[in-house]
PDB file of N, CA and C in Angstrom:
ATOM      1  N   MET A   1     350.637 243.578  91.947  1.00  0.00           N
ATOM      2  CA  MET A   1     350.701 242.921  92.761  1.00  0.00           C
ATOM      3  C   MET A   1     348.983 242.666  92.639  1.00  0.00           C
ATOM      4  N   PRO A   2     348.657 241.182  93.480  1.00  0.00           N
ATOM      5  CA  PRO A   2     347.442 241.189  93.035  1.00  0.00           C
ATOM      6  C   PRO A   2     346.772 241.471  94.698  1.00  0.00           C
ATOM      7  N   ALA A   3     345.448 241.721  94.827  1.00  0.00           N
ATOM      8  CA  ALA A   3     344.702 242.555  95.997  1.00  0.00           C
ATOM      9  C   ALA A   3     344.592 241.256  97.119  1.00  0.00           C
ATOM     10  N   GLY A   4     344.503 241.742  98.544  1.00  0.00           N
ATOM     11  CA  GLY A   4     344.244 240.593  99.184  1.00  0.00           C
ATOM     12  C   GLY A   4     342.484 240.532  99.480  1.00  0.00           C
ATOM     13  N   TYR A   5     341.781 239.621  99.866  1.00  0.00           N
ATOM     14  CA  TYR A   5     340.519 239.562 100.430  1.00  0.00           C
ATOM     15  C   TYR A   5     340.459 239.303 101.215  1.00  0.00           C
ATOM     16  N   VAL A   6     339.504 239.765 102.237  1.00  0.00           N
ATOM     17  CA  VAL A   6     339.173 239.190 104.234  1.00  0.00           C
ATOM     18  C   VAL A   6     337.790 238.870 103.631  1.00  0.00           C
ATOM     19  N   ILE A   7     337.409 238.170 103.673  1.00  0.00           N
ATOM     20  CA  ILE A   7     335.820 237.054 103.642  1.00  0.00           C
ATOM     21  C   ILE A   7     335.487 237.030 104.627  1.00  0.00           C
ATOM     22  N   VAL A   8     334.251 237.662 105.467  1.00  0.00           N
ATOM     23  CA  VAL A   8     333.658 237.174 106.942  1.00  0.00           C
ATOM     24  C   VAL A   8     332.044 236.913 106.268  1.00  0.00           C
ATOM     25  N   GLN A   9     331.905 235.625 107.398  1.00  0.00           N
ATOM     26  CA  GLN A   9     330.374 235.013 107.562  1.00  0.00           C
ATOM     27  C   GLN A   9     330.100 235.484 109.028  1.00  0.00           C
ATOM     28  N   LEU A  10     329.241 235.931 109.320  1.00  0.00           N
ATOM     29  CA  LEU A  10     328.892 236.244 110.731  1.00  0.00           C
ATOM     30  C   LEU A  10     327.563 235.884 111.486  1.00  0.00           C
ATOM     31  N   LYS A  11     327.044 235.230 112.248  1.00  0.00           N
ATOM     32  CA  LYS A  11     326.093 235.239 113.462  1.00  0.00           C
ATOM     33  C   LYS A  11     326.426 236.216 114.147  1.00  0.00           C
ATOM     34  N   ILE A  12     326.052 237.123 114.434  1.00  0.00           N
ATOM     35  CA  ILE A  12     326.447 238.258 115.746  1.00  0.00           C
ATOM     36  C   ILE A  12     325.086 237.873 116.909  1.00  0.00           C
ATOM     37  N   THR A  13     325.848 237.490 118.212  1.00  0.00           N
ATOM     38  CA  THR A  13     325.408 236.563 119.115  1.00  0.00           C
ATOM     39  C   THR A  13     324.898 237.898 120.516  1.00  0.00           C
ATOM     40  N   ASP A  14     325.411 238.925 120.630  1.00  0.00           N
ATOM     41  CA  ASP A  14     325.356 240.245 121.444  1.00  0.00           C
ATOM     42  C   ASP A  14     325.731 241.980 120.575  1.00  0.00           C
ATOM     43  N   PRO A  15     324.333 242.046 120.099  1.00  0.00           N
ATOM     44  CA  PRO A  15     324.456 243.066 119.067  1.00  0.00           C
ATOM     45  C   PRO A  15     325.010 244.203 119.711  1.00  0.00           C
ATOM     46  N   GLU A  16     324.411 244.703 120.505  1.00  0.00           N
ATOM     47  CA  GLU A  16     324.959 245.810 121.460  1.00  0.00           C
ATOM     48  C   GLU A  16     326.321 245.962 121.645  1.00  0.00           C
ATOM     49  N   ASN A  17     326.751 244.827 122.421  1.00  0.00           N
ATOM     50  CA  ASN A  17     328.273 244.940 122.385  1.00  0.00           C
ATOM     51  C   ASN A  17     329.124 244.723 121.432  1.00  0.00           C
ATOM     52  N   TYR A  18     328.699 244.164 119.985  1.00  0.00           N
ATOM     53  CA  TYR A  18     329.415 244.061 118.754  1.00  0.00           C
ATOM     54  C   TYR A  18     329.080 245.479 118.319  1.00  0.00           C
ATOM     55  N   ASN A  19     328.191 246.287 118.818  1.00  0.00           N
ATOM     56  CA  ASN A  19     328.560 247.624 117.857  1.00  0.00           C
ATOM     57  C   ASN A  19     329.405 248.390 117.907  1.00  0.00           C
ATOM     58  N   GLU A  20     329.894 247.970 119.215  1.00  0.00           N
ATOM     59  CA  GLU A  20     331.393 248.510 119.786  1.00  0.00           C
ATOM     60  C   GLU A  20     332.900 248.198 118.950  1.00  0.00           C
ATOM     61  N   TYR A  21     332.808 247.140 118.230  1.00  0.00           N
ATOM     62  CA  TYR A  21     333.783 246.200 116.931  1.00  0.00           C
ATOM     63  C   TYR A  21     333.110 247.134 115.796  1.00  0.00           C
ATOM     64  N   VAL A  22     332.018 247.655 115.699  1.00  0.00           N
ATOM     65  CA  VAL A  22     331.743 247.955 114.236  1.00  0.00           C
ATOM     66  C   VAL A  22     331.912 249.324 114.182  1.00  0.00           C
ATOM     67  N   GLN A  23     332.440 250.415 115.461  1.00  0.00           N
ATOM     68  CA  GLN A  23     332.689 251.663 115.504  1.00  0.00           C
ATOM     69  C   GLN A  23     333.739 251.831 115.302  1.00  0.00           C
ATOM     70  N   LYS A  24     334.766 250.624 115.695  1.00  0.00           N
ATOM     71  CA  LYS A  24     336.564 250.618 116.013  1.00  0.00           C
ATOM     72  C   LYS A  24     336.732 250.207 114.778  1.00  0.00           C
ATOM     73  N   VAL A  25     336.271 249.047 114.117  1.00  0.00           N
ATOM     74  CA  VAL A  25     337.649 248.486 113.233  1.00  0.00           C
ATOM     75  C   VAL A  25     337.737 249.354 111.781  1.00  0.00           C
ATOM     76  N   PRO A  26     336.675 250.361 111.090  1.00  0.00           N
ATOM     77  CA  PRO A  26     336.640 251.131 110.260  1.00  0.00           C
ATOM     78  C   PRO A  26     338.215 252.045 109.997  1.00  0.00           C
ATOM     79  N   GLU A  27     338.801 252.426 111.339  1.00  0.00           N
ATOM     80  CA  GLU A  27     339.470 253.331 111.308  1.00  0.00           C
ATOM     81  C   GLU A  27     341.081 252.293 111.378  1.00  0.00           C
ATOM     82  N   VAL A  28     340.931 251.264 111.798  1.00  0.00           N
ATOM     83  CA  VAL A  28     342.239 250.295 111.301  1.00  0.00           C
ATOM     84  C   VAL A  28     342.730 249.655 110.165  1.00  0.00           C
ATOM     85  N   ILE A  29     341.529 249.926 109.962  1.00  0.00           N
ATOM     86  CA  ILE A  29     341.182 248.820 108.432  1.00  0.00           C
ATOM     87  C   ILE A  29     341.849 250.115 107.376  1.00  0.00           C
ATOM     88  N   LYS A  30     341.145 251.040 107.137  1.00  0.00           N
ATOM     89  CA  LYS A  30     341.815 252.105 106.968  1.00  0.00           C
ATOM     90  C   LYS A  30     343.329 252.216 106.954  1.00  0.00           C
ATOM     91  N   LYS A  31     343.599 251.789 107.682  1.00  0.00           N
ATOM     92  CA  LYS A  31     344.807 252.270 108.082  1.00  0.00           C
ATOM     93  C   LYS A  31     345.810 251.305 107.686  1.00  0.00           C
ATOM     94  N   TYR A  32     345.438 250.112 106.975  1.00  0.00           N
ATOM     95  CA  TYR A  32     345.711 249.280 106.208  1.00  0.00           C
ATOM     96  C   TYR A  32     345.979 249.381 104.649  1.00  0.00           C
ATOM     97  N   GLY A  33     344.612 250.294 104.627  1.00  0.00           N
ATOM     98  CA  GLY A  33     344.560 250.410 103.050  1.00  0.00           C
ATOM     99  C   GLY A  33     343.395 249.534 102.616  1.00  0.00           C
ATOM    100  N   GLY A  34     342.442 249.353 103.354  1.00  0.00           N
ATOM    101  CA  GLY A  34     341.613 247.977 102.804  1.00  0.00           C
ATOM    102  C   GLY A  34     340.566 249.273 103.009  1.00  0.00           C
ATOM    103  N   GLU A  35     339.067 248.852 102.239  1.00  0.00           N
ATOM    104  CA  GLU A  35     338.514 248.916 101.889  1.00  0.00           C
ATOM    105  C   GLU A  35     337.004 247.954 102.001  1.00  0.00           C
ATOM    106  N   TYR A  36     336.130 248.562 102.589  1.00  0.00           N
ATOM    107  CA  TYR A  36     334.829 247.600 102.469  1.00  0.00           C
ATOM    108  C   TYR A  36     334.140 248.001 101.592  1.00  0.00           C
ATOM    109  N   LEU A  37     333.777 246.333 100.595  1.00  0.00           N
ATOM    110  CA  LEU A  37     333.122 245.914  99.247  1.00  0.00           C
ATOM    111  C   LEU A  37     332.117 245.663  99.364  1.00  0.00           C
ATOM    112  N   ALA A  38     331.454 245.265 100.454  1.00  0.00           N
ATOM    113  CA  ALA A  38     330.430 244.729 101.021  1.00  0.00           C
ATOM    114  C   ALA A  38     330.042 244.661 102.944  1.00  0.00           C
ATOM    115  N   ARG A  39     329.109 245.206 103.300  1.00  0.00           N
ATOM    116  CA  ARG A  39     329.211 245.044 104.543  1.00  0.00           C
ATOM    117  C   ARG A  39     327.921 244.595 105.629  1.00  0.00           C
ATOM    118  N   GLY A  40     327.493 243.270 105.466  1.00  0.00           N
ATOM    119  CA  GLY A  40     326.158 243.410 105.883  1.00  0.00           C
ATOM    120  C   GLY A  40     325.061 243.659 105.109  1.00  0.00           C
ATOM    121  N   GLY A  41     325.587 244.061 103.806  1.00  0.00           N
ATOM    122  CA  GLY A  41     323.813 244.256 102.731  1.00  0.00           C
ATOM    123  C   GLY A  41     323.124 243.122 102.906  1.00  0.00           C
ATOM    124  N   GLU A  42     321.883 243.289 102.027  1.00  0.00           N
ATOM    125  CA  GLU A  42     321.019 242.459 101.105  1.00  0.00           C
ATOM    126  C   GLU A  42     321.475 241.336 100.399  1.00  0.00           C
ATOM    127  N   HIS A  43     321.302 240.216 100.747  1.00  0.00           N
ATOM    128  CA  HIS A  43     321.973 239.218 100.127  1.00  0.00           C
ATOM    129  C   HIS A  43     320.895 238.042  99.694  1.00  0.00           C
ATOM    130  N   GLN A  44     320.807 236.763  99.057  1.00  0.00           N
ATOM    131  CA  GLN A  44     320.153 236.080  99.338  1.00  0.00           C
ATOM    132  C   GLN A  44     321.125 234.383  98.917  1.00  0.00           C
ATOM    133  N   VAL A  45     320.818 234.001  99.627  1.00  0.00           N
ATOM    134  CA  VAL A  45     321.722 232.508  99.212  1.00  0.00           C
ATOM    135  C   VAL A  45     320.929 231.624  98.648  1.00  0.00           C
ATOM    136  N   VAL A  46     321.418 231.377  97.369  1.00  0.00           N
ATOM    137  CA  VAL A  46     320.688 230.378  96.491  1.00  0.00           C
ATOM    138  C   VAL A  46     321.127 228.820  96.467  1.00  0.00           C
ATOM    139  N   GLU A  47     322.255 228.580  97.537  1.00  0.00           N
ATOM    140  CA  GLU A  47     322.505 227.167  97.064  1.00  0.00           C
ATOM    141  C   GLU A  47     323.255 227.157  98.753  1.00  0.00           C
ATOM    142  N   GLY A  48     322.682 225.968  99.187  1.00  0.00           N
ATOM    143  CA  GLY A  48     323.821 225.600 100.639  1.00  0.00           C
ATOM    144  C   GLY A  48     322.900 225.847 101.421  1.00  0.00           C
ATOM    145  N   VAL A  49     323.074 226.536 102.929  1.00  0.00           N
ATOM    146  CA  VAL A  49     323.162 226.779 104.053  1.00  0.00           C
ATOM    147  C   VAL A  49     323.262 227.661 104.701  1.00  0.00           C
ATOM    148  N   ASP A  50     322.696 228.564 105.381  1.00  0.00           N
ATOM    149  CA  ASP A  50     322.933 229.701 105.816  1.00  0.00           C
ATOM    150  C   ASP A  50     323.003 230.231 107.321  1.00  0.00           C
ATOM    151  N   LYS A  51     324.464 230.074 107.544  1.00  0.00           N
ATOM    152  CA  LYS A  51     324.460 229.578 108.786  1.00  0.00           C
ATOM    153  C   LYS A  51     325.290 230.823 109.889  1.00  0.00           C
ATOM    154  N   PHE A  52     325.385 231.921 108.697  1.00  0.00           N
ATOM    155  CA  PHE A  52     325.858 233.059 109.285  1.00  0.00           C
ATOM    156  C   PHE A  52     325.731 234.325 108.556  1.00  0.00           C
ATOM    157  N   PRO A  53     324.521 234.652 108.871  1.00  0.00           N
ATOM    158  CA  PRO A  53     323.644 235.824 107.938  1.00  0.00           C
ATOM    159  C   PRO A  53     324.370 237.240 107.691  1.00  0.00           C
ATOM    160  N   ARG A  54     325.634 237.241 108.626  1.00  0.00           N
ATOM    161  CA  ARG A  54     325.865 238.599 108.010  1.00  0.00           C
ATOM    162  C   ARG A  54     327.438 238.471 106.986  1.00  0.00           C
ATOM    163  N   ILE A  55     327.036 238.788 105.888  1.00  0.00           N
ATOM    164  CA  ILE A  55     328.518 239.376 105.596  1.00  0.00           C
ATOM    165  C   ILE A  55     329.216 240.298 104.962  1.00  0.00           C
ATOM    166  N   VAL A  56     331.121 240.142 105.096  1.00  0.00           N
ATOM    167  CA  VAL A  56     331.322 241.357 104.885  1.00  0.00           C
ATOM    168  C   VAL A  56     332.713 241.091 104.025  1.00  0.00           C
ATOM    169  N   ILE A  57     333.084 241.686 103.604  1.00  0.00           N
ATOM    170  CA  ILE A  57     334.302 241.744 102.153  1.00  0.00           C
ATOM    171  C   ILE A  57     335.030 242.772 102.277  1.00  0.00           C
ATOM    172  N   ILE A  58     335.890 242.809 102.207  1.00  0.00           N
ATOM    173  CA  ILE A  58     337.156 243.853 102.162  1.00  0.00           C
ATOM    174  C   ILE A  58     338.190 243.110 101.626  1.00  0.00           C
ATOM    175  N   LYS A  59     338.875 244.868 100.612  1.00  0.00           N
ATOM    176  CA  LYS A  59     339.755 244.409  99.621  1.00  0.00           C
ATOM    177  C   LYS A  59     340.994 245.173 100.274  1.00  0.00           C
ATOM    178  N   PHE A  60     342.168 244.661 100.605  1.00  0.00           N
ATOM    179  CA  PHE A  60     343.133 245.535 100.875  1.00  0.00           C
ATOM    180  C   PHE A  60     344.139 245.402  99.390  1.00  0.00           C
ATOM    181  N   PRO A  61     345.006 246.040  99.713  1.00  0.00           N
ATOM    182  CA  PRO A  61     345.880 246.796  98.543  1.00  0.00           C
ATOM    183  C   PRO A  61     346.813 245.056  97.730  1.00  0.00           C
ATOM    184  N   SER A  62     347.251 244.443  99.056  1.00  0.00           N
ATOM    185  CA  SER A  62     347.672 242.663  98.739  1.00  0.00           C
ATOM    186  C   SER A  62     347.189 242.051 100.250  1.00  0.00           C
ATOM    187  N   TYR A  63     347.379 240.720  99.612  1.00  0.00           N
ATOM    188  CA  TYR A  63     347.550 239.284 100.489  1.00  0.00           C
ATOM    189  C   TYR A  63     348.401 240.113 101.704  1.00  0.00           C
ATOM    190  N   GLU A  64     349.388 240.016 101.766  1.00  0.00           N
ATOM    191  CA  GLU A  64     350.257 240.483 102.460  1.00  0.00           C
ATOM    192  C   GLU A  64     349.652 241.385 103.387  1.00  0.00           C
ATOM    193  N   LYS A  65     349.383 242.510 103.100  1.00  0.00           N
ATOM    194  CA  LYS A  65     348.599 243.973 103.794  1.00  0.00           C
ATOM    195  C   LYS A  65     347.320 242.858 104.987  1.00  0.00           C
ATOM    196  N   ALA A  66     346.698 242.442 103.969  1.00  0.00           N
ATOM    197  CA  ALA A  66     345.640 241.424 104.678  1.00  0.00           C
ATOM    198  C   ALA A  66     345.987 241.168 105.892  1.00  0.00           C
ATOM    199  N   LEU A  67     346.859 240.250 105.486  1.00  0.00           N
ATOM    200  CA  LEU A  67     347.620 239.537 106.791  1.00  0.00           C
ATOM    201  C   LEU A  67     348.161 240.634 108.372  1.00  0.00           C
ATOM    202  N   GLU A  68     348.737 241.377 107.428  1.00  0.00           N
ATOM    203  CA  GLU A  68     349.484 242.276 108.271  1.00  0.00           C
ATOM    204  C   GLU A  68     348.408 242.901 109.330  1.00  0.00           C
ATOM    205  N   TRP A  69     347.544 242.667 108.431  1.00  0.00           N
ATOM    206  CA  TRP A  69     346.229 243.765 109.359  1.00  0.00           C
ATOM    207  C   TRP A  69     345.678 243.047 110.290  1.00  0.00           C
ATOM    208  N   TYR A  70     345.638 241.892 109.506  1.00  0.00           N
ATOM    209  CA  TYR A  70     344.883 240.891 111.014  1.00  0.00           C
ATOM    210  C   TYR A  70     345.508 240.373 112.294  1.00  0.00           C
ATOM    211  N   ASN A  71     346.684 240.790 111.682  1.00  0.00           N
ATOM    212  CA  ASN A  71     347.590 239.553 112.736  1.00  0.00           C
ATOM    213  C   ASN A  71     348.685 241.264 113.594  1.00  0.00           C
ATOM    214  N   SER A  72     347.629 242.583 113.342  1.00  0.00           N
ATOM    215  CA  SER A  72     348.138 243.458 113.515  1.00  0.00           C
ATOM    216  C   SER A  72     347.987 243.936 115.355  1.00  0.00           C
ATOM    217  N   GLU A  73     348.814 244.920 116.280  1.00  0.00           N
ATOM    218  CA  GLU A  73     348.417 244.788 117.374  1.00  0.00           C
ATOM    219  C   GLU A  73     347.537 245.709 117.277  1.00  0.00           C
ATOM    220  N   GLU A  74     346.711 246.713 116.415  1.00  0.00           N
ATOM    221  CA  GLU A  74     346.318 248.042 116.459  1.00  0.00           C
ATOM    222  C   GLU A  74     345.017 246.940 116.425  1.00  0.00           C
ATOM    223  N   TYR A  75     344.497 245.594 115.763  1.00  0.00           N
ATOM    224  CA  TYR A  75     343.165 245.220 115.254  1.00  0.00           C
ATOM    225  C   TYR A  75     343.028 244.006 116.718  1.00  0.00           C
ATOM    226  N   LYS A  76     344.352 243.584 117.514  1.00  0.00           N
ATOM    227  CA  LYS A  76     344.099 242.511 118.466  1.00  0.00           C
ATOM    228  C   LYS A  76     342.791 243.072 119.052  1.00  0.00           C
ATOM    229  N   PRO A  77     342.964 244.215 119.729  1.00  0.00           N
ATOM    230  CA  PRO A  77     341.864 244.443 121.133  1.00  0.00           C
ATOM    231  C   PRO A  77     340.717 244.692 120.050  1.00  0.00           C
ATOM    232  N   ILE A  78     340.099 244.972 119.023  1.00  0.00           N
ATOM    233  CA  ILE A  78     339.362 245.051 118.556  1.00  0.00           C
ATOM    234  C   ILE A  78     338.419 243.615 118.174  1.00  0.00           C
ATOM    235  N   LYS A  79     339.202 242.962 117.647  1.00  0.00           N
ATOM    236  CA  LYS A  79     339.105 241.492 117.294  1.00  0.00           C
ATOM    237  C   LYS A  79     338.431 240.321 118.389  1.00  0.00           C
ATOM    238  N   GLN A  80     339.447 241.228 119.255  1.00  0.00           N
ATOM    239  CA  GLN A  80     338.352 240.211 120.619  1.00  0.00           C
ATOM    240  C   GLN A  80     337.206 240.385 120.712  1.00  0.00           C
ATOM    241  N   ILE A  81     336.915 241.804 120.649  1.00  0.00           N
ATOM    242  CA  ILE A  81     335.379 242.486 120.671  1.00  0.00           C
ATOM    243  C   ILE A  81     334.446 241.822 119.872  1.00  0.00           C
ATOM    244  N   ARG A  82     334.508 241.312 118.726  1.00  0.00           N
ATOM    245  CA  ARG A  82     334.373 240.559 117.272  1.00  0.00           C
ATOM    246  C   ARG A  82     333.591 238.979 118.250  1.00  0.00           C
ATOM    247  N   LEU A  83     335.111 238.652 118.851  1.00  0.00           N
ATOM    248  CA  LEU A  83     335.440 236.956 119.165  1.00  0.00           C
ATOM    249  C   LEU A  83     334.103 236.871 119.992  1.00  0.00           C
ATOM    250  N   ASP A  84     334.278 238.213 120.919  1.00  0.00           N
ATOM    251  CA  ASP A  84     333.103 237.961 122.212  1.00  0.00           C
ATOM    252  C   ASP A  84     331.763 237.779 121.647  1.00  0.00           C
ATOM    253  N   ASN A  85     330.990 238.916 121.075  1.00  0.00           N
ATOM    254  CA  ASN A  85     330.220 238.947 120.759  1.00  0.00           C
ATOM    255  C   ASN A  85     329.306 238.288 118.944  1.00  0.00           C
ATOM    256  N   SER A  86     330.250 237.237 118.672  1.00  0.00           N
ATOM    257  CA  SER A  86     329.849 236.872 117.125  1.00  0.00           C
ATOM    258  C   SER A  86     330.368 235.476 116.787  1.00  0.00           C
ATOM    259  N   GLU A  87     329.882 234.716 116.669  1.00  0.00           N
ATOM    260  CA  GLU A  87     330.455 233.112 115.745  1.00  0.00           C
ATOM    261  C   GLU A  87     330.241 233.422 114.235  1.00  0.00           C
ATOM    262  N   GLY A  88     331.238 232.598 113.528  1.00  0.00           N
ATOM    263  CA  GLY A  88     331.571 232.871 111.822  1.00  0.00           C
ATOM    264  C   GLY A  88     333.017 231.867 111.969  1.00  0.00           C
ATOM    265  N   ILE A  89     333.152 232.463 110.658  1.00  0.00           N
ATOM    266  CA  ILE A  89     334.403 232.182 110.081  1.00  0.00           C
ATOM    267  C   ILE A  89     335.133 233.686 109.084  1.00  0.00           C
ATOM    268  N   ASN A  90     336.731 233.246 109.060  1.00  0.00           N
ATOM    269  CA  ASN A  90     336.920 234.229 108.625  1.00  0.00           C
ATOM    270  C   ASN A  90     338.217 233.443 107.389  1.00  0.00           C
ATOM    271  N   ILE A  91     338.364 234.802 106.445  1.00  0.00           N
ATOM    272  CA  ILE A  91     339.101 233.850 105.516  1.00  0.00           C
ATOM    273  C   ILE A  91     339.913 235.068 104.635  1.00  0.00           C
ATOM    274  N   ILE A  92     341.171 235.002 104.730  1.00  0.00           N
ATOM    275  CA  ILE A  92     341.434 236.124 103.680  1.00  0.00           C
ATOM    276  C   ILE A  92     342.736 234.864 102.695  1.00  0.00           C
ATOM    277  N   ILE A  93     342.072 235.787 101.314  1.00  0.00           N
ATOM    278  CA  ILE A  93     342.557 235.089 100.170  1.00  0.00           C
ATOM    279  C   ILE A  93     343.202 235.740  99.048  1.00  0.00           C
ATOM    280  N   LYS A  94     343.980 235.781  98.641  1.00  0.00           N
ATOM    281  CA  LYS A  94     344.900 236.521  97.994  1.00  0.00           C
ATOM    282  C   LYS A  94     343.829 236.460  95.987  1.00  0.00           C
ATOM    283  N   GLY A  95     343.950 237.505  95.885  1.00  0.00           N
ATOM    284  CA  GLY A  95     342.849 237.480  94.536  1.00  0.00           C
ATOM    285  C   GLY A  95     343.882 237.386  93.396  1.00  0.00           C
ATOM    286  N   ILE A  96     343.136 237.488  92.068  1.00  0.00           N
ATOM    287  CA  ILE A  96     344.346 237.173  91.060  1.00  0.00           C
ATOM    288  C   ILE A  96     344.646 238.012  90.113  1.00  0.00           C
TER     289      ILE A  96
END
């Protein structure tokens, strides 16, 4: 079964409040079998315009598990913290 990947590009608008998200989300990701592959590390934009400077990549055991995590009741209140304190895009993609 192909892995599922969550790819997030963010601009944090309120770092102090966003920190609560950073503290709470890893436990829920782990519960659904997710693991961070990249979490806001050093990067270079080699083409295009960087509108969202924070990049996060999370691997889940399957595409379905990634969707299950994203739509879970456990993640819902934590997700709201992110939505309230950042702007960006989230993609869930099935691996090959």
